[in-house]
Amino acid sequence: REFVCAITWDGSGTSYADSVKDRFTISRDRAKNTVYLQMNS
């Protein structure tokens, strides 16, 4: 199992694996209690 990305509790900070940087985006909607991973390319 390998790390892809992560996000802080409030969404202010993110980290990405080099292999997905600039292609994937992590985000979270705290009002909906949901975390998203947008994967492009």
PDB file of all heavy atoms in Angstrom:
ATOM      1  N   ARG A   1       0.845  -1.179   0.000  1.00  0.00           N
ATOM      2  CA  ARG A   1       0.000   0.000   0.000  1.00  0.00           C
ATOM      3  C   ARG A   1       0.887   1.238   0.000  1.00  0.00           C
ATOM      4  O   ARG A   1       1.851   1.320   0.767  1.00  0.00           O
ATOM      5  CB  ARG A   1      -0.904  -0.011   1.225  1.00  0.00           C
ATOM      6  CG  ARG A   1      -2.008   1.009   1.195  1.00  0.00           C
ATOM      7  CD  ARG A   1      -3.033   0.734   2.282  1.00  0.00           C
ATOM      8  NE  ARG A   1      -3.682  -0.563   2.091  1.00  0.00           N
ATOM      9  CZ  ARG A   1      -4.729  -0.972   2.807  1.00  0.00           C
ATOM     10  NH1 ARG A   1      -5.232  -0.185   3.755  1.00  0.00           N
ATOM     11  NH2 ARG A   1      -5.250  -2.160   2.599  1.00  0.00           N
ATOM     12  N   GLU A   2       0.574   2.181  -0.873  1.00  0.00           N
ATOM     13  CA  GLU A   2       1.418   3.366  -0.981  1.00  0.00           C
ATOM     14  C   GLU A   2       0.611   4.650  -0.790  1.00  0.00           C
ATOM     15  O   GLU A   2      -0.577   4.722  -1.107  1.00  0.00           O
ATOM     16  CB  GLU A   2       2.134   3.413  -2.337  1.00  0.00           C
ATOM     17  CG  GLU A   2       1.226   3.582  -3.531  1.00  0.00           C
ATOM     18  CD  GLU A   2       2.004   3.835  -4.824  1.00  0.00           C
ATOM     19  OE1 GLU A   2       3.250   3.933  -4.782  1.00  0.00           O
ATOM     20  OE2 GLU A   2       1.334   3.949  -5.866  1.00  0.00           O
ATOM     21  N   PHE A   3       1.299   5.641  -0.284  1.00  0.00           N
ATOM     22  CA  PHE A   3       0.713   6.964  -0.054  1.00  0.00           C
ATOM     23  C   PHE A   3       0.414   7.628  -1.386  1.00  0.00           C
ATOM     24  O   PHE A   3       1.219   7.576  -2.319  1.00  0.00           O
ATOM     25  CB  PHE A   3       1.692   7.804   0.758  1.00  0.00           C
ATOM     26  CG  PHE A   3       1.317   9.247   0.897  1.00  0.00           C
ATOM     27  CD1 PHE A   3       0.350   9.644   1.798  1.00  0.00           C
ATOM     28  CD2 PHE A   3       1.946  10.208   0.120  1.00  0.00           C
ATOM     29  CE1 PHE A   3       0.006  10.971   1.939  1.00  0.00           C
ATOM     30  CE2 PHE A   3       1.620  11.548   0.249  1.00  0.00           C
ATOM     31  CZ  PHE A   3       0.650  11.926   1.165  1.00  0.00           C
ATOM     32  N   VAL A   4      -0.758   8.270  -1.468  1.00  0.00           N
ATOM     33  CA  VAL A   4      -1.116   9.058  -2.641  1.00  0.00           C
ATOM     34  C   VAL A   4      -1.132  10.541  -2.278  1.00  0.00           C
ATOM     35  O   VAL A   4      -0.435  11.340  -2.896  1.00  0.00           O
ATOM     36  CB  VAL A   4      -2.490   8.628  -3.194  1.00  0.00           C
ATOM     37  CG1 VAL A   4      -2.904   9.519  -4.361  1.00  0.00           C
ATOM     38  CG2 VAL A   4      -2.457   7.159  -3.616  1.00  0.00           C
ATOM     39  N   CYS A   5      -1.920  10.888  -1.280  1.00  0.00           N
ATOM     40  CA  CYS A   5      -2.014  12.282  -0.857  1.00  0.00           C
ATOM     41  C   CYS A   5      -2.721  12.362   0.475  1.00  0.00           C
ATOM     42  O   CYS A   5      -3.325  11.391   0.935  1.00  0.00           O
ATOM     43  CB  CYS A   5      -2.733  13.141  -1.901  1.00  0.00           C
ATOM     44  SG  CYS A   5      -4.376  12.559  -2.324  1.00  0.00           S
ATOM     45  N   ALA A   6      -2.645  13.539   1.105  1.00  0.00           N
ATOM     46  CA  ALA A   6      -3.291  13.740   2.385  1.00  0.00           C
ATOM     47  C   ALA A   6      -3.640  15.206   2.548  1.00  0.00           C
ATOM     48  O   ALA A   6      -3.079  16.070   1.864  1.00  0.00           O
ATOM     49  CB  ALA A   6      -2.392  13.265   3.529  1.00  0.00           C
ATOM     50  N   ILE A   7      -4.563  15.460   3.484  1.00  0.00           N
ATOM     51  CA  ILE A   7      -5.034  16.815   3.704  1.00  0.00           C
ATOM     52  C   ILE A   7      -5.239  17.023   5.199  1.00  0.00           C
ATOM     53  O   ILE A   7      -5.668  16.118   5.918  1.00  0.00           O
ATOM     54  CB  ILE A   7      -6.333  17.066   2.907  1.00  0.00           C
ATOM     55  CG1 ILE A   7      -6.743  18.536   2.941  1.00  0.00           C
ATOM     56  CG2 ILE A   7      -7.471  16.166   3.414  1.00  0.00           C
ATOM     57  CD1 ILE A   7      -7.825  18.888   1.908  1.00  0.00           C
ATOM     58  N   THR A   8      -4.932  18.228   5.668  1.00  0.00           N
ATOM     59  CA  THR A   8      -5.127  18.535   7.082  1.00  0.00           C
ATOM     60  C   THR A   8      -6.610  18.620   7.433  1.00  0.00           C
ATOM     61  O   THR A   8      -7.478  18.654   6.552  1.00  0.00           O
ATOM     62  CB  THR A   8      -4.436  19.860   7.436  1.00  0.00           C
ATOM     63  OG1 THR A   8      -4.920  20.885   6.557  1.00  0.00           O
ATOM     64  CG2 THR A   8      -2.927  19.745   7.320  1.00  0.00           C
ATOM     65  N   TRP A   9      -6.883  18.698   8.723  1.00  0.00           N
ATOM     66  CA  TRP A   9      -8.264  18.656   9.182  1.00  0.00           C
ATOM     67  C   TRP A   9      -9.106  19.788   8.593  1.00  0.00           C
ATOM     68  O   TRP A   9     -10.297  19.609   8.335  1.00  0.00           O
ATOM     69  CB  TRP A   9      -8.288  18.730  10.706  1.00  0.00           C
ATOM     70  CG  TRP A   9      -7.921  20.085  11.250  1.00  0.00           C
ATOM     71  CD1 TRP A   9      -6.669  20.599  11.438  1.00  0.00           C
ATOM     72  CD2 TRP A   9      -8.839  21.115  11.644  1.00  0.00           C
ATOM     73  NE1 TRP A   9      -6.737  21.878  11.931  1.00  0.00           N
ATOM     74  CE2 TRP A   9      -8.052  22.219  12.065  1.00  0.00           C
ATOM     75  CE3 TRP A   9     -10.226  21.223  11.690  1.00  0.00           C
ATOM     76  CZ2 TRP A   9      -8.621  23.402  12.527  1.00  0.00           C
ATOM     77  CZ3 TRP A   9     -10.797  22.400  12.148  1.00  0.00           C
ATOM     78  CH2 TRP A   9      -9.999  23.474  12.562  1.00  0.00           C
ATOM     79  N   ASP A  10      -8.472  20.951   8.363  1.00  0.00           N
ATOM     80  CA  ASP A  10      -9.216  22.101   7.870  1.00  0.00           C
ATOM     81  C   ASP A  10      -8.987  22.371   6.398  1.00  0.00           C
ATOM     82  O   ASP A  10      -9.484  23.366   5.865  1.00  0.00           O
ATOM     83  CB  ASP A  10      -8.862  23.339   8.677  1.00  0.00           C
ATOM     84  CG  ASP A  10      -7.385  23.690   8.588  1.00  0.00           C
ATOM     85  OD1 ASP A  10      -6.608  22.885   8.051  1.00  0.00           O
ATOM     86  OD2 ASP A  10      -7.003  24.762   9.081  1.00  0.00           O
ATOM     87  N   GLY A  11      -8.219  21.519   5.740  1.00  0.00           N
ATOM     88  CA  GLY A  11      -7.965  21.699   4.314  1.00  0.00           C
ATOM     89  C   GLY A  11      -6.887  22.699   3.979  1.00  0.00           C
ATOM     90  O   GLY A  11      -6.637  22.969   2.799  1.00  0.00           O
ATOM     91  N   SER A  12      -6.208  23.236   4.982  1.00  0.00           N
ATOM     92  CA  SER A  12      -5.219  24.277   4.726  1.00  0.00           C
ATOM     93  C   SER A  12      -3.898  23.719   4.226  1.00  0.00           C
ATOM     94  O   SER A  12      -3.088  24.457   3.652  1.00  0.00           O
ATOM     95  CB  SER A  12      -4.979  25.095   5.993  1.00  0.00           C
ATOM     96  OG  SER A  12      -4.423  24.276   7.009  1.00  0.00           O
ATOM     97  N   GLY A  13      -3.662  22.451   4.435  1.00  0.00           N
ATOM     98  CA  GLY A  13      -2.403  21.848   4.020  1.00  0.00           C
ATOM     99  C   GLY A  13      -2.626  20.533   3.306  1.00  0.00           C
ATOM    100  O   GLY A  13      -3.528  19.768   3.652  1.00  0.00           O
ATOM    101  N   THR A  14      -1.813  20.291   2.274  1.00  0.00           N
ATOM    102  CA  THR A  14      -1.902  19.046   1.519  1.00  0.00           C
ATOM    103  C   THR A  14      -0.497  18.511   1.232  1.00  0.00           C
ATOM    104  O   THR A  14       0.488  19.251   1.283  1.00  0.00           O
ATOM    105  CB  THR A  14      -2.634  19.227   0.182  1.00  0.00           C
ATOM    106  OG1 THR A  14      -1.959  20.240  -0.590  1.00  0.00           O
ATOM    107  CG2 THR A  14      -4.079  19.654   0.395  1.00  0.00           C
ATOM    108  N   SER A  15      -0.433  17.247   0.907  1.00  0.00           N
ATOM    109  CA  SER A  15       0.828  16.615   0.523  1.00  0.00           C
ATOM    110  C   SER A  15       0.514  15.563  -0.524  1.00  0.00           C
ATOM    111  O   SER A  15      -0.521  14.882  -0.438  1.00  0.00           O
ATOM    112  CB  SER A  15       1.494  15.976   1.744  1.00  0.00           C
ATOM    113  OG  SER A  15       2.695  15.323   1.381  1.00  0.00           O
ATOM    114  N   TYR A  16       1.405  15.436  -1.517  1.00  0.00           N
ATOM    115  CA  TYR A  16       1.178  14.506  -2.610  1.00  0.00           C
ATOM    116  C   TYR A  16       2.422  13.655  -2.862  1.00  0.00           C
ATOM    117  O   TYR A  16       3.556  14.125  -2.718  1.00  0.00           O
ATOM    118  CB  TYR A  16       0.855  15.265  -3.902  1.00  0.00           C
ATOM    119  CG  TYR A  16      -0.442  16.030  -3.868  1.00  0.00           C
ATOM    120  CD1 TYR A  16      -0.490  17.345  -3.422  1.00  0.00           C
ATOM    121  CD2 TYR A  16      -1.628  15.429  -4.275  1.00  0.00           C
ATOM    122  CE1 TYR A  16      -1.676  18.045  -3.374  1.00  0.00           C
ATOM    123  CE2 TYR A  16      -2.834  16.129  -4.237  1.00  0.00           C
ATOM    124  CZ  TYR A  16      -2.848  17.434  -3.778  1.00  0.00           C
ATOM    125  OH  TYR A  16      -4.034  18.121  -3.738  1.00  0.00           O
ATOM    126  N   ALA A  17       2.193  12.433  -3.287  1.00  0.00           N
ATOM    127  CA  ALA A  17       3.290  11.626  -3.790  1.00  0.00           C
ATOM    128  C   ALA A  17       3.771  12.225  -5.106  1.00  0.00           C
ATOM    129  O   ALA A  17       2.970  12.796  -5.866  1.00  0.00           O
ATOM    130  CB  ALA A  17       2.828  10.192  -4.019  1.00  0.00           C
ATOM    131  N   ASP A  18       5.049  12.107  -5.376  1.00  0.00           N
ATOM    132  CA  ASP A  18       5.604  12.685  -6.600  1.00  0.00           C
ATOM    133  C   ASP A  18       4.912  12.136  -7.844  1.00  0.00           C
ATOM    134  O   ASP A  18       4.738  12.852  -8.843  1.00  0.00           O
ATOM    135  CB  ASP A  18       7.101  12.397  -6.685  1.00  0.00           C
ATOM    136  CG  ASP A  18       7.905  13.207  -5.687  1.00  0.00           C
ATOM    137  OD1 ASP A  18       7.370  14.217  -5.166  1.00  0.00           O
ATOM    138  OD2 ASP A  18       9.061  12.834  -5.423  1.00  0.00           O
ATOM    139  N   SER A  19       4.494  10.882  -7.779  1.00  0.00           N
ATOM    140  CA  SER A  19       3.915  10.233  -8.954  1.00  0.00           C
ATOM    141  C   SER A  19       2.554  10.806  -9.343  1.00  0.00           C
ATOM    142  O   SER A  19       2.104  10.611 -10.479  1.00  0.00           O
ATOM    143  CB  SER A  19       3.787   8.730  -8.714  1.00  0.00           C
ATOM    144  OG  SER A  19       2.957   8.473  -7.594  1.00  0.00           O
ATOM    145  N   VAL A  20       1.899  11.509  -8.419  1.00  0.00           N
ATOM    146  CA  VAL A  20       0.563  12.033  -8.725  1.00  0.00           C
ATOM    147  C   VAL A  20       0.512  13.548  -8.687  1.00  0.00           C
ATOM    148  O   VAL A  20      -0.530  14.140  -9.027  1.00  0.00           O
ATOM    149  CB  VAL A  20      -0.499  11.455  -7.758  1.00  0.00           C
ATOM    150  CG1 VAL A  20      -0.462   9.943  -7.749  1.00  0.00           C
ATOM    151  CG2 VAL A  20      -0.343  12.024  -6.357  1.00  0.00           C
ATOM    152  N   LYS A  21       1.593  14.168  -8.280  1.00  0.00           N
ATOM    153  CA  LYS A  21       1.626  15.625  -8.186  1.00  0.00           C
ATOM    154  C   LYS A  21       1.295  16.247  -9.530  1.00  0.00           C
ATOM    155  O   LYS A  21       1.749  15.775 -10.578  1.00  0.00           O
ATOM    156  CB  LYS A  21       3.006  16.070  -7.708  1.00  0.00           C
ATOM    157  CG  LYS A  21       3.048  17.417  -7.049  1.00  0.00           C
ATOM    158  CD  LYS A  21       4.414  17.663  -6.419  1.00  0.00           C
ATOM    159  CE  LYS A  21       4.643  16.737  -5.246  1.00  0.00           C
ATOM    160  NZ  LYS A  21       5.926  17.009  -4.556  1.00  0.00           N
ATOM    161  N   ASP A  22       0.493  17.280  -9.514  1.00  0.00           N
ATOM    162  CA  ASP A  22       0.043  18.018 -10.705  1.00  0.00           C
ATOM    163  C   ASP A  22      -1.012  17.274 -11.509  1.00  0.00           C
ATOM    164  O   ASP A  22      -1.499  17.794 -12.525  1.00  0.00           O
ATOM    165  CB  ASP A  22       1.218  18.369 -11.629  1.00  0.00           C
ATOM    166  CG  ASP A  22       2.244  19.255 -10.958  1.00  0.00           C
ATOM    167  OD1 ASP A  22       1.837  20.103 -10.130  1.00  0.00           O
ATOM    168  OD2 ASP A  22       3.443  19.097 -11.242  1.00  0.00           O
ATOM    169  N   ARG A  23      -1.374  16.062 -11.085  1.00  0.00           N
ATOM    170  CA  ARG A  23      -2.460  15.324 -11.753  1.00  0.00           C
ATOM    171  C   ARG A  23      -3.638  15.084 -10.823  1.00  0.00           C
ATOM    172  O   ARG A  23      -4.788  15.096 -11.258  1.00  0.00           O
ATOM    173  CB  ARG A  23      -1.957  13.977 -12.276  1.00  0.00           C
ATOM    174  CG  ARG A  23      -0.852  14.089 -13.310  1.00  0.00           C
ATOM    175  CD  ARG A  23      -0.549  12.726 -13.942  1.00  0.00           C
ATOM    176  NE  ARG A  23      -0.092  11.748 -12.945  1.00  0.00           N
ATOM    177  CZ  ARG A  23      -0.692  10.580 -12.737  1.00  0.00           C
ATOM    178  NH1 ARG A  23      -1.762  10.233 -13.427  1.00  0.00           N
ATOM    179  NH2 ARG A  23      -0.204   9.735 -11.831  1.00  0.00           N
ATOM    180  N   PHE A  24      -3.347  14.872  -9.549  1.00  0.00           N
ATOM    181  CA  PHE A  24      -4.381  14.564  -8.559  1.00  0.00           C
ATOM    182  C   PHE A  24      -4.553  15.758  -7.617  1.00  0.00           C
ATOM    183  O   PHE A  24      -3.583  16.470  -7.317  1.00  0.00           O
ATOM    184  CB  PHE A  24      -4.002  13.343  -7.727  1.00  0.00           C
ATOM    185  CG  PHE A  24      -4.026  12.030  -8.460  1.00  0.00           C
ATOM    186  CD1 PHE A  24      -4.156  11.952  -9.836  1.00  0.00           C
ATOM    187  CD2 PHE A  24      -3.921  10.844  -7.743  1.00  0.00           C
ATOM    188  CE1 PHE A  24      -4.174  10.740 -10.497  1.00  0.00           C
ATOM    189  CE2 PHE A  24      -3.943   9.616  -8.378  1.00  0.00           C
ATOM    190  CZ  PHE A  24      -4.060   9.567  -9.759  1.00  0.00           C
ATOM    191  N   THR A  25      -5.779  15.927  -7.125  1.00  0.00           N
ATOM    192  CA  THR A  25      -6.057  16.990  -6.161  1.00  0.00           C
ATOM    193  C   THR A  25      -6.942  16.434  -5.045  1.00  0.00           C
ATOM    194  O   THR A  25      -8.002  15.863  -5.316  1.00  0.00           O
ATOM    195  CB  THR A  25      -6.766  18.171  -6.821  1.00  0.00           C
ATOM    196  OG1 THR A  25      -5.966  18.682  -7.902  1.00  0.00           O
ATOM    197  CG2 THR A  25      -6.991  19.290  -5.807  1.00  0.00           C
ATOM    198  N   ILE A  26      -6.502  16.627  -3.822  1.00  0.00           N
ATOM    199  CA  ILE A  26      -7.297  16.232  -2.668  1.00  0.00           C
ATOM    200  C   ILE A  26      -7.984  17.469  -2.107  1.00  0.00           C
ATOM    201  O   ILE A  26      -7.405  18.568  -2.091  1.00  0.00           O
ATOM    202  CB  ILE A  26      -6.438  15.546  -1.590  1.00  0.00           C
ATOM    203  CG1 ILE A  26      -7.315  14.978  -0.470  1.00  0.00           C
ATOM    204  CG2 ILE A  26      -5.357  16.473  -1.051  1.00  0.00           C
ATOM    205  CD1 ILE A  26      -6.556  14.107   0.537  1.00  0.00           C
ATOM    206  N   SER A  27      -9.211  17.289  -1.654  1.00  0.00           N
ATOM    207  CA  SER A  27      -9.947  18.395  -1.050  1.00  0.00           C
ATOM    208  C   SER A  27     -10.934  17.818  -0.049  1.00  0.00           C
ATOM    209  O   SER A  27     -11.164  16.605  -0.013  1.00  0.00           O
ATOM    210  CB  SER A  27     -10.679  19.220  -2.116  1.00  0.00           C
ATOM    211  OG  SER A  27     -11.633  18.420  -2.806  1.00  0.00           O
ATOM    212  N   ARG A  28     -11.495  18.692   0.771  1.00  0.00           N
ATOM    213  CA  ARG A  28     -12.495  18.218   1.705  1.00  0.00           C
ATOM    214  C   ARG A  28     -13.571  19.266   1.898  1.00  0.00           C
ATOM    215  O   ARG A  28     -13.282  20.479   1.854  1.00  0.00           O
ATOM    216  CB  ARG A  28     -11.862  17.815   3.038  1.00  0.00           C
ATOM    217  CG  ARG A  28     -11.311  18.911   3.892  1.00  0.00           C
ATOM    218  CD  ARG A  28     -10.511  18.341   5.077  1.00  0.00           C
ATOM    219  NE  ARG A  28     -11.308  17.452   5.910  1.00  0.00           N
ATOM    220  CZ  ARG A  28     -10.789  16.640   6.846  1.00  0.00           C
ATOM    221  NH1 ARG A  28      -9.476  16.611   7.041  1.00  0.00           N
ATOM    222  NH2 ARG A  28     -11.565  15.872   7.574  1.00  0.00           N
ATOM    223  N   ASP A  29     -14.764  18.785   2.103  1.00  0.00           N
ATOM    224  CA  ASP A  29     -15.915  19.635   2.393  1.00  0.00           C
ATOM    225  C   ASP A  29     -16.362  19.252   3.800  1.00  0.00           C
ATOM    226  O   ASP A  29     -17.014  18.229   4.004  1.00  0.00           O
ATOM    227  CB  ASP A  29     -17.025  19.395   1.363  1.00  0.00           C
ATOM    228  CG  ASP A  29     -18.200  20.332   1.541  1.00  0.00           C
ATOM    229  OD1 ASP A  29     -18.441  20.804   2.677  1.00  0.00           O
ATOM    230  OD2 ASP A  29     -18.897  20.599   0.554  1.00  0.00           O
ATOM    231  N   ARG A  30     -16.013  20.078   4.757  1.00  0.00           N
ATOM    232  CA  ARG A  30     -16.294  19.736   6.150  1.00  0.00           C
ATOM    233  C   ARG A  30     -17.790  19.769   6.438  1.00  0.00           C
ATOM    234  O   ARG A  30     -18.269  19.030   7.296  1.00  0.00           O
ATOM    235  CB  ARG A  30     -15.516  20.659   7.076  1.00  0.00           C
ATOM    236  CG  ARG A  30     -14.005  20.510   6.904  1.00  0.00           C
ATOM    237  CD  ARG A  30     -13.219  21.345   7.883  1.00  0.00           C
ATOM    238  NE  ARG A  30     -13.335  20.831   9.234  1.00  0.00           N
ATOM    239  CZ  ARG A  30     -13.806  21.527  10.257  1.00  0.00           C
ATOM    240  NH1 ARG A  30     -14.205  22.769  10.095  1.00  0.00           N
ATOM    241  NH2 ARG A  30     -13.871  20.989  11.459  1.00  0.00           N
ATOM    242  N   ALA A  31     -18.497  20.608   5.720  1.00  0.00           N
ATOM    243  CA  ALA A  31     -19.949  20.665   5.931  1.00  0.00           C
ATOM    244  C   ALA A  31     -20.617  19.360   5.503  1.00  0.00           C
ATOM    245  O   ALA A  31     -21.634  18.960   6.065  1.00  0.00           O
ATOM    246  CB  ALA A  31     -20.543  21.834   5.157  1.00  0.00           C
ATOM    247  N   LYS A  32     -20.035  18.693   4.510  1.00  0.00           N
ATOM    248  CA  LYS A  32     -20.588  17.431   4.028  1.00  0.00           C
ATOM    249  C   LYS A  32     -19.842  16.225   4.587  1.00  0.00           C
ATOM    250  O   LYS A  32     -20.151  15.086   4.223  1.00  0.00           O
ATOM    251  CB  LYS A  32     -20.534  17.381   2.497  1.00  0.00           C
ATOM    252  CG  LYS A  32     -21.406  18.416   1.818  1.00  0.00           C
ATOM    253  CD  LYS A  32     -21.340  18.274   0.298  1.00  0.00           C
ATOM    254  CE  LYS A  32     -22.241  19.297  -0.384  1.00  0.00           C
ATOM    255  NZ  LYS A  32     -22.177  19.184  -1.861  1.00  0.00           N
ATOM    256  N   ASN A  33     -18.852  16.476   5.430  1.00  0.00           N
ATOM    257  CA  ASN A  33     -18.064  15.385   6.022  1.00  0.00           C
ATOM    258  C   ASN A  33     -17.504  14.461   4.949  1.00  0.00           C
ATOM    259  O   ASN A  33     -17.530  13.237   5.075  1.00  0.00           O
ATOM    260  CB  ASN A  33     -18.917  14.568   6.995  1.00  0.00           C
ATOM    261  CG  ASN A  33     -19.467  15.407   8.120  1.00  0.00           C
ATOM    262  OD1 ASN A  33     -18.784  16.268   8.649  1.00  0.00           O
ATOM    263  ND2 ASN A  33     -20.715  15.167   8.479  1.00  0.00           N
ATOM    264  N   THR A  34     -16.989  15.059   3.895  1.00  0.00           N
ATOM    265  CA  THR A  34     -16.519  14.268   2.754  1.00  0.00           C
ATOM    266  C   THR A  34     -15.162  14.766   2.279  1.00  0.00           C
ATOM    267  O   THR A  34     -14.920  15.977   2.248  1.00  0.00           O
ATOM    268  CB  THR A  34     -17.532  14.342   1.597  1.00  0.00           C
ATOM    269  OG1 THR A  34     -18.801  13.857   2.054  1.00  0.00           O
ATOM    270  CG2 THR A  34     -17.083  13.484   0.416  1.00  0.00           C
ATOM    271  N   VAL A  35     -14.311  13.820   1.921  1.00  0.00           N
ATOM    272  CA  VAL A  35     -13.011  14.113   1.329  1.00  0.00           C
ATOM    273  C   VAL A  35     -13.037  13.609  -0.110  1.00  0.00           C
ATOM    274  O   VAL A  35     -13.590  12.541  -0.389  1.00  0.00           O
ATOM    275  CB  VAL A  35     -11.879  13.420   2.115  1.00  0.00           C
ATOM    276  CG1 VAL A  35     -10.536  13.641   1.433  1.00  0.00           C
ATOM    277  CG2 VAL A  35     -11.838  13.940   3.535  1.00  0.00           C
ATOM    278  N   TYR A  36     -12.443  14.379  -1.001  1.00  0.00           N
ATOM    279  CA  TYR A  36     -12.462  14.050  -2.421  1.00  0.00           C
ATOM    280  C   TYR A  36     -11.041  13.834  -2.950  1.00  0.00           C
ATOM    281  O   TYR A  36     -10.084  14.421  -2.442  1.00  0.00           O
ATOM    282  CB  TYR A  36     -13.124  15.170  -3.221  1.00  0.00           C
ATOM    283  CG  TYR A  36     -14.527  15.493  -2.788  1.00  0.00           C
ATOM    284  CD1 TYR A  36     -14.791  16.556  -1.926  1.00  0.00           C
ATOM    285  CD2 TYR A  36     -15.599  14.720  -3.231  1.00  0.00           C
ATOM    286  CE1 TYR A  36     -16.080  16.852  -1.521  1.00  0.00           C
ATOM    287  CE2 TYR A  36     -16.901  15.009  -2.828  1.00  0.00           C
ATOM    288  CZ  TYR A  36     -17.126  16.072  -1.976  1.00  0.00           C
ATOM    289  OH  TYR A  36     -18.410  16.361  -1.581  1.00  0.00           O
ATOM    290  N   LEU A  37     -10.954  13.028  -3.991  1.00  0.00           N
ATOM    291  CA  LEU A  37      -9.710  12.871  -4.730  1.00  0.00           C
ATOM    292  C   LEU A  37     -10.046  13.009  -6.210  1.00  0.00           C
ATOM    293  O   LEU A  37     -10.655  12.121  -6.806  1.00  0.00           O
ATOM    294  CB  LEU A  37      -9.062  11.514  -4.457  1.00  0.00           C
ATOM    295  CG  LEU A  37      -7.772  11.245  -5.230  1.00  0.00           C
ATOM    296  CD1 LEU A  37      -6.714  12.290  -4.904  1.00  0.00           C
ATOM    297  CD2 LEU A  37      -7.240   9.842  -4.940  1.00  0.00           C
ATOM    298  N   GLN A  38      -9.672  14.138  -6.770  1.00  0.00           N
ATOM    299  CA  GLN A  38      -9.858  14.367  -8.202  1.00  0.00           C
ATOM    300  C   GLN A  38      -8.624  13.859  -8.932  1.00  0.00           C
ATOM    301  O   GLN A  38      -7.505  14.317  -8.647  1.00  0.00           O
ATOM    302  CB  GLN A  38     -10.057  15.856  -8.482  1.00  0.00           C
ATOM    303  CG  GLN A  38     -10.196  16.197  -9.958  1.00  0.00           C
ATOM    304  CD  GLN A  38     -11.462  15.639 -10.578  1.00  0.00           C
ATOM    305  OE1 GLN A  38     -12.531  15.721  -9.991  1.00  0.00           O
ATOM    306  NE2 GLN A  38     -11.339  15.072 -11.772  1.00  0.00           N
ATOM    307  N   MET A  39      -8.832  12.921  -9.817  1.00  0.00           N
ATOM    308  CA  MET A  39      -7.720  12.301 -10.528  1.00  0.00           C
ATOM    309  C   MET A  39      -7.839  12.613 -12.014  1.00  0.00           C
ATOM    310  O   MET A  39      -8.821  12.212 -12.654  1.00  0.00           O
ATOM    311  CB  MET A  39      -7.728  10.785 -10.299  1.00  0.00           C
ATOM    312  CG  MET A  39      -7.701  10.387  -8.841  1.00  0.00           C
ATOM    313  SD  MET A  39      -7.552   8.609  -8.597  1.00  0.00           S
ATOM    314  CE  MET A  39      -9.102   8.053  -9.272  1.00  0.00           C
ATOM    315  N   ASN A  40      -6.870  13.328 -12.539  1.00  0.00           N
ATOM    316  CA  ASN A  40      -6.832  13.685 -13.950  1.00  0.00           C
ATOM    317  C   ASN A  40      -5.645  13.025 -14.630  1.00  0.00           C
ATOM    318  O   ASN A  40      -4.705  12.581 -13.970  1.00  0.00           O
ATOM    319  CB  ASN A  40      -6.751  15.200 -14.112  1.00  0.00           C
ATOM    320  CG  ASN A  40      -7.934  15.931 -13.514  1.00  0.00           C
ATOM    321  OD1 ASN A  40      -9.063  15.435 -13.502  1.00  0.00           O
ATOM    322  ND2 ASN A  40      -7.686  17.133 -12.997  1.00  0.00           N
ATOM    323  N   SER A  41      -5.678  12.987 -15.949  1.00  0.00           N
ATOM    324  CA  SER A  41      -4.575  12.420 -16.740  1.00  0.00           C
ATOM    325  C   SER A  41      -4.180  11.046 -16.215  1.00  0.00           C
ATOM    326  O   SER A  41      -2.997  10.747 -16.025  1.00  0.00           O
ATOM    327  CB  SER A  41      -3.374  13.372 -16.711  1.00  0.00           C
ATOM    328  OG  SER A  41      -3.715  14.640 -17.210  1.00  0.00           O
TER     329      SER A  41
END
